[in-house]
N, C-alpha and C. Protein backbone atom coordinates (compact mmCIF):
# COMPACT_ATOMS: atom_id res chain seq x y z
N UNK A 1 109.99 -3.30 -5.03
CA UNK A 1 109.81 -3.53 -3.62
C UNK A 1 109.47 -5.01 -3.42
N UNK A 2 110.14 -5.66 -2.51
CA UNK A 2 109.85 -7.06 -2.24
C UNK A 2 108.82 -7.18 -1.12
N UNK A 3 108.13 -8.28 -1.10
CA UNK A 3 107.12 -8.54 -0.08
C UNK A 3 107.82 -9.10 1.15
N UNK A 4 107.57 -8.48 2.28
CA UNK A 4 108.16 -8.93 3.53
C UNK A 4 107.35 -10.11 4.07
N UNK A 5 108.04 -11.07 4.67
CA UNK A 5 107.38 -12.23 5.25
C UNK A 5 107.28 -12.08 6.76
N UNK A 6 106.18 -12.52 7.31
CA UNK A 6 105.92 -12.51 8.74
C UNK A 6 105.62 -13.94 9.13
N UNK A 7 106.31 -14.44 10.11
CA UNK A 7 106.11 -15.82 10.51
C UNK A 7 106.22 -16.74 9.29
N UNK A 8 107.08 -16.34 8.32
CA UNK A 8 107.29 -17.14 7.12
C UNK A 8 106.23 -16.98 6.06
N UNK A 9 105.29 -16.06 6.24
CA UNK A 9 104.19 -15.91 5.28
C UNK A 9 104.01 -14.47 4.84
N UNK A 10 103.50 -14.30 3.63
CA UNK A 10 103.13 -12.98 3.13
C UNK A 10 101.75 -12.62 3.67
N UNK A 11 101.51 -11.33 3.77
CA UNK A 11 100.21 -10.83 4.23
C UNK A 11 99.48 -10.17 3.08
N UNK A 12 98.14 -10.18 3.16
CA UNK A 12 97.31 -9.56 2.12
C UNK A 12 96.11 -8.87 2.76
N UNK A 13 95.49 -8.05 1.95
CA UNK A 13 94.19 -7.47 2.28
C UNK A 13 93.20 -8.02 1.27
N UNK A 14 92.11 -8.59 1.75
CA UNK A 14 91.02 -9.02 0.87
C UNK A 14 90.02 -7.88 0.84
N UNK A 15 89.81 -7.34 -0.36
CA UNK A 15 88.94 -6.18 -0.58
C UNK A 15 87.59 -6.65 -1.12
N UNK A 16 86.53 -6.04 -0.59
CA UNK A 16 85.20 -6.26 -1.13
C UNK A 16 84.38 -5.01 -0.85
N UNK A 17 83.14 -5.01 -1.31
CA UNK A 17 82.19 -3.94 -1.00
C UNK A 17 80.86 -4.58 -0.63
N UNK A 18 80.08 -3.88 0.17
CA UNK A 18 78.77 -4.37 0.59
C UNK A 18 77.74 -3.25 0.44
N UNK A 19 76.47 -3.62 0.24
CA UNK A 19 75.44 -2.60 0.07
C UNK A 19 74.98 -1.96 1.38
N UNK A 20 75.21 -2.64 2.50
CA UNK A 20 74.77 -2.08 3.78
C UNK A 20 75.62 -2.62 4.93
N UNK A 21 75.66 -1.85 6.02
CA UNK A 21 76.57 -2.13 7.13
C UNK A 21 76.27 -3.46 7.83
N UNK A 22 75.01 -3.79 8.01
CA UNK A 22 74.67 -5.03 8.72
C UNK A 22 75.27 -6.27 8.09
N UNK A 23 75.16 -6.38 6.79
CA UNK A 23 75.73 -7.54 6.09
C UNK A 23 77.24 -7.53 6.17
N UNK A 24 77.86 -6.35 6.01
CA UNK A 24 79.31 -6.24 6.08
C UNK A 24 79.82 -6.63 7.46
N UNK A 25 79.13 -6.18 8.51
CA UNK A 25 79.53 -6.52 9.88
C UNK A 25 79.41 -8.02 10.13
N UNK A 26 78.33 -8.61 9.67
CA UNK A 26 78.13 -10.04 9.89
C UNK A 26 79.22 -10.86 9.20
N UNK A 27 79.54 -10.53 7.98
CA UNK A 27 80.58 -11.26 7.25
C UNK A 27 81.95 -11.01 7.88
N UNK A 28 82.23 -9.77 8.23
CA UNK A 28 83.50 -9.45 8.86
C UNK A 28 83.69 -10.17 10.18
N UNK A 29 82.67 -10.17 11.02
CA UNK A 29 82.74 -10.88 12.29
C UNK A 29 82.95 -12.37 12.06
N UNK A 30 82.27 -12.92 11.07
CA UNK A 30 82.44 -14.35 10.76
C UNK A 30 83.86 -14.68 10.35
N UNK A 31 84.49 -13.82 9.54
CA UNK A 31 85.88 -14.06 9.15
C UNK A 31 86.82 -14.03 10.34
N UNK A 32 86.65 -13.05 11.22
CA UNK A 32 87.52 -12.94 12.39
C UNK A 32 87.29 -14.11 13.34
N UNK A 33 86.04 -14.45 13.60
CA UNK A 33 85.74 -15.57 14.50
C UNK A 33 86.27 -16.90 13.97
N UNK A 34 86.29 -17.06 12.65
CA UNK A 34 86.78 -18.30 12.03
C UNK A 34 88.30 -18.32 11.90
N UNK A 35 88.97 -17.24 12.27
CA UNK A 35 90.42 -17.19 12.14
C UNK A 35 90.89 -16.96 10.71
N UNK A 36 89.99 -16.51 9.84
CA UNK A 36 90.36 -16.25 8.45
C UNK A 36 90.87 -14.84 8.24
N UNK A 37 90.67 -13.96 9.21
CA UNK A 37 91.18 -12.59 9.18
C UNK A 37 91.47 -12.16 10.61
N UNK A 38 92.51 -11.37 10.77
CA UNK A 38 92.81 -10.82 12.09
C UNK A 38 91.96 -9.60 12.38
N UNK A 39 91.59 -8.89 11.32
CA UNK A 39 90.86 -7.63 11.46
C UNK A 39 90.12 -7.35 10.16
N UNK A 40 88.93 -6.79 10.28
CA UNK A 40 88.19 -6.31 9.11
C UNK A 40 87.82 -4.86 9.37
N UNK A 41 88.19 -3.99 8.44
CA UNK A 41 87.79 -2.59 8.50
C UNK A 41 86.61 -2.37 7.58
N UNK A 42 85.61 -1.65 8.07
CA UNK A 42 84.42 -1.31 7.29
C UNK A 42 84.35 0.20 7.18
N UNK A 43 84.36 0.69 5.95
CA UNK A 43 84.37 2.12 5.70
C UNK A 43 83.09 2.53 4.99
N UNK A 44 82.14 3.10 5.71
CA UNK A 44 80.89 3.52 5.06
C UNK A 44 81.09 4.79 4.25
N UNK A 45 80.15 5.07 3.39
CA UNK A 45 80.14 6.33 2.68
C UNK A 45 80.79 6.33 1.31
N UNK A 46 81.18 5.17 0.81
CA UNK A 46 81.76 5.11 -0.53
C UNK A 46 80.64 5.20 -1.56
N UNK A 47 80.87 5.92 -2.63
CA UNK A 47 79.94 5.95 -3.76
C UNK A 47 80.62 5.24 -4.92
N UNK A 48 79.95 4.23 -5.44
CA UNK A 48 80.47 3.47 -6.57
C UNK A 48 79.70 3.80 -7.83
N UNK A 49 80.41 3.96 -8.92
CA UNK A 49 79.82 4.14 -10.25
C UNK A 49 80.34 2.99 -11.09
N UNK A 50 79.45 2.17 -11.61
CA UNK A 50 79.87 0.94 -12.26
C UNK A 50 78.91 0.54 -13.38
N UNK A 51 79.44 -0.23 -14.32
CA UNK A 51 78.61 -0.77 -15.40
C UNK A 51 78.01 -2.09 -14.93
N UNK A 52 76.71 -2.26 -15.14
CA UNK A 52 76.05 -3.50 -14.75
C UNK A 52 74.91 -3.77 -15.72
N UNK A 53 75.00 -4.87 -16.40
CA UNK A 53 73.97 -5.34 -17.33
C UNK A 53 73.54 -4.26 -18.33
N UNK A 54 74.55 -3.60 -18.91
CA UNK A 54 74.29 -2.66 -19.99
C UNK A 54 73.97 -1.23 -19.57
N UNK A 55 73.96 -0.95 -18.27
CA UNK A 55 73.70 0.41 -17.82
C UNK A 55 74.77 0.85 -16.83
N UNK A 56 74.88 2.15 -16.66
CA UNK A 56 75.80 2.70 -15.68
C UNK A 56 74.98 2.97 -14.41
N UNK A 57 75.43 2.39 -13.32
CA UNK A 57 74.74 2.48 -12.03
C UNK A 57 75.57 3.30 -11.05
N UNK A 58 74.91 3.86 -10.05
CA UNK A 58 75.55 4.54 -8.94
C UNK A 58 74.94 3.99 -7.66
N UNK A 59 75.79 3.65 -6.68
CA UNK A 59 75.28 3.09 -5.43
C UNK A 59 76.18 3.49 -4.26
N UNK A 60 75.57 3.68 -3.10
CA UNK A 60 76.31 3.84 -1.86
C UNK A 60 76.74 2.46 -1.39
N UNK A 61 78.00 2.33 -0.98
CA UNK A 61 78.50 1.03 -0.55
C UNK A 61 79.39 1.19 0.68
N UNK A 62 79.69 0.06 1.29
CA UNK A 62 80.61 -0.05 2.41
C UNK A 62 81.88 -0.70 1.88
N UNK A 63 83.05 -0.10 2.11
CA UNK A 63 84.32 -0.73 1.77
C UNK A 63 84.65 -1.76 2.85
N UNK A 64 85.07 -2.94 2.44
CA UNK A 64 85.36 -4.08 3.32
C UNK A 64 86.81 -4.48 3.10
N UNK A 65 87.65 -4.34 4.14
CA UNK A 65 89.07 -4.66 4.04
C UNK A 65 89.43 -5.67 5.13
N UNK A 66 89.80 -6.87 4.73
CA UNK A 66 90.14 -7.93 5.68
C UNK A 66 91.64 -8.20 5.62
N UNK A 67 92.33 -8.09 6.76
CA UNK A 67 93.77 -8.34 6.82
C UNK A 67 94.01 -9.78 7.24
N UNK A 68 94.81 -10.49 6.43
CA UNK A 68 95.02 -11.91 6.67
C UNK A 68 96.34 -12.38 6.06
N UNK A 69 96.61 -13.66 6.22
CA UNK A 69 97.76 -14.31 5.57
C UNK A 69 97.41 -14.60 4.11
N UNK A 70 98.41 -14.53 3.24
CA UNK A 70 98.17 -14.85 1.83
C UNK A 70 97.63 -16.27 1.67
N UNK A 71 98.10 -17.19 2.51
CA UNK A 71 97.65 -18.59 2.42
C UNK A 71 96.16 -18.75 2.73
N UNK A 72 95.56 -17.76 3.39
CA UNK A 72 94.14 -17.85 3.74
C UNK A 72 93.24 -17.01 2.82
N UNK A 73 93.82 -16.34 1.84
CA UNK A 73 93.04 -15.44 0.98
C UNK A 73 91.93 -16.16 0.24
N UNK A 74 92.20 -17.30 -0.34
CA UNK A 74 91.17 -18.04 -1.08
C UNK A 74 90.03 -18.47 -0.16
N UNK A 75 90.36 -18.95 1.03
CA UNK A 75 89.33 -19.37 1.99
C UNK A 75 88.51 -18.17 2.45
N UNK A 76 89.17 -17.04 2.67
CA UNK A 76 88.45 -15.83 3.07
C UNK A 76 87.50 -15.37 1.96
N UNK A 77 87.98 -15.38 0.71
CA UNK A 77 87.11 -15.00 -0.41
C UNK A 77 85.94 -15.95 -0.55
N UNK A 78 86.17 -17.24 -0.34
CA UNK A 78 85.08 -18.21 -0.43
C UNK A 78 84.03 -17.95 0.65
N UNK A 79 84.47 -17.64 1.86
CA UNK A 79 83.54 -17.35 2.95
C UNK A 79 82.74 -16.08 2.67
N UNK A 80 83.40 -15.07 2.12
CA UNK A 80 82.70 -13.83 1.75
C UNK A 80 81.67 -14.12 0.67
N UNK A 81 82.08 -14.86 -0.36
CA UNK A 81 81.21 -15.16 -1.50
C UNK A 81 79.92 -15.87 -1.06
N UNK A 82 80.05 -16.82 -0.14
CA UNK A 82 78.88 -17.59 0.32
C UNK A 82 77.85 -16.70 1.00
N UNK A 83 78.32 -15.72 1.77
CA UNK A 83 77.42 -14.89 2.57
C UNK A 83 77.07 -13.56 1.91
N UNK A 84 77.67 -13.26 0.77
CA UNK A 84 77.52 -11.94 0.15
C UNK A 84 76.17 -11.79 -0.53
N UNK A 85 75.52 -10.62 -0.39
CA UNK A 85 74.22 -10.43 -1.03
C UNK A 85 74.28 -10.13 -2.54
N UNK A 86 75.45 -9.76 -3.07
CA UNK A 86 75.55 -9.44 -4.49
C UNK A 86 75.68 -10.71 -5.33
N UNK A 87 75.14 -10.65 -6.54
CA UNK A 87 75.29 -11.74 -7.50
C UNK A 87 76.76 -11.91 -7.90
N UNK A 88 77.46 -10.79 -8.09
CA UNK A 88 78.87 -10.79 -8.45
C UNK A 88 79.61 -9.83 -7.51
N UNK A 89 80.00 -10.31 -6.33
CA UNK A 89 80.68 -9.42 -5.39
C UNK A 89 82.10 -9.08 -5.83
N UNK A 90 82.56 -7.90 -5.48
CA UNK A 90 83.96 -7.54 -5.67
C UNK A 90 84.77 -8.37 -4.70
N UNK A 91 85.72 -9.13 -5.20
CA UNK A 91 86.63 -9.93 -4.38
C UNK A 91 88.02 -9.79 -4.98
N UNK A 92 88.88 -9.03 -4.30
CA UNK A 92 90.21 -8.72 -4.81
C UNK A 92 91.21 -8.92 -3.68
N UNK A 93 92.33 -9.55 -3.98
CA UNK A 93 93.40 -9.73 -2.99
C UNK A 93 94.51 -8.74 -3.32
N UNK A 94 94.86 -7.91 -2.33
CA UNK A 94 95.90 -6.90 -2.48
C UNK A 94 97.08 -7.30 -1.61
N UNK A 95 98.27 -7.45 -2.19
CA UNK A 95 99.43 -7.83 -1.38
C UNK A 95 99.87 -6.68 -0.48
N UNK A 96 100.33 -7.01 0.70
CA UNK A 96 100.93 -6.04 1.61
C UNK A 96 102.44 -6.18 1.42
N UNK A 97 103.06 -5.17 0.84
CA UNK A 97 104.50 -5.24 0.57
C UNK A 97 105.30 -5.22 1.86
N UNK A 98 104.83 -4.46 2.83
CA UNK A 98 105.54 -4.36 4.09
C UNK A 98 104.58 -3.84 5.15
N UNK A 99 104.85 -4.17 6.39
CA UNK A 99 104.05 -3.69 7.53
C UNK A 99 104.96 -3.63 8.74
N UNK A 100 104.56 -2.90 9.74
CA UNK A 100 105.32 -2.89 10.98
C UNK A 100 105.43 -4.33 11.48
N UNK A 101 106.60 -4.72 11.91
CA UNK A 101 106.86 -6.10 12.33
C UNK A 101 105.83 -6.57 13.37
N UNK A 102 105.58 -5.77 14.38
CA UNK A 102 104.64 -6.19 15.43
C UNK A 102 103.23 -6.37 14.86
N UNK A 103 102.84 -5.51 13.92
CA UNK A 103 101.50 -5.63 13.31
C UNK A 103 101.40 -6.89 12.46
N UNK A 104 102.42 -7.15 11.65
CA UNK A 104 102.43 -8.37 10.84
C UNK A 104 102.42 -9.62 11.69
N UNK A 105 103.20 -9.59 12.76
CA UNK A 105 103.21 -10.74 13.67
C UNK A 105 101.84 -10.92 14.33
N UNK A 106 101.17 -9.81 14.65
CA UNK A 106 99.84 -9.89 15.24
C UNK A 106 98.84 -10.53 14.27
N UNK A 107 98.87 -10.12 12.99
CA UNK A 107 97.97 -10.72 11.99
C UNK A 107 98.20 -12.23 11.95
N UNK A 108 99.47 -12.65 11.91
CA UNK A 108 99.76 -14.08 11.87
C UNK A 108 99.30 -14.78 13.13
N UNK A 109 99.48 -14.12 14.26
CA UNK A 109 99.07 -14.74 15.52
C UNK A 109 97.58 -14.89 15.68
N UNK A 110 96.81 -14.04 15.01
CA UNK A 110 95.35 -14.08 15.15
C UNK A 110 94.65 -14.86 14.06
N UNK A 111 95.40 -15.35 13.08
CA UNK A 111 94.78 -16.11 12.00
C UNK A 111 95.27 -17.55 12.05
N UNK A 112 94.38 -18.42 11.65
CA UNK A 112 94.69 -19.84 11.61
C UNK A 112 95.57 -20.12 10.40
N UNK A 113 96.67 -20.78 10.61
CA UNK A 113 97.60 -21.06 9.51
C UNK A 113 97.02 -22.06 8.51
N UNK A 114 95.85 -22.54 8.73
CA UNK A 114 95.21 -23.41 7.76
C UNK A 114 95.50 -24.84 8.08
């Protein structure tokens, strides 16, 4: 499957997790206000099981999904990293292979081309 371009650019989702809703909302709002993401979805209720410093941990987390242009992914991750409460936050860029044309155009229209 090839990646579809919108306004000449590929789209991505920047994935992260947060320990609580307040921090996730603040970071998400900051990304949208700065034009680094058109939309951020916050999904509460995720349970994570992970290895950390030699032990297996379990924690409730918020899933953080920011829709943006591929060209802005690094800047979005940097902004998340600066404000994130974790020592090592999850920061992953997931390519969007295809999206509805109007939706992709909307993401491009709401984000700063850099």
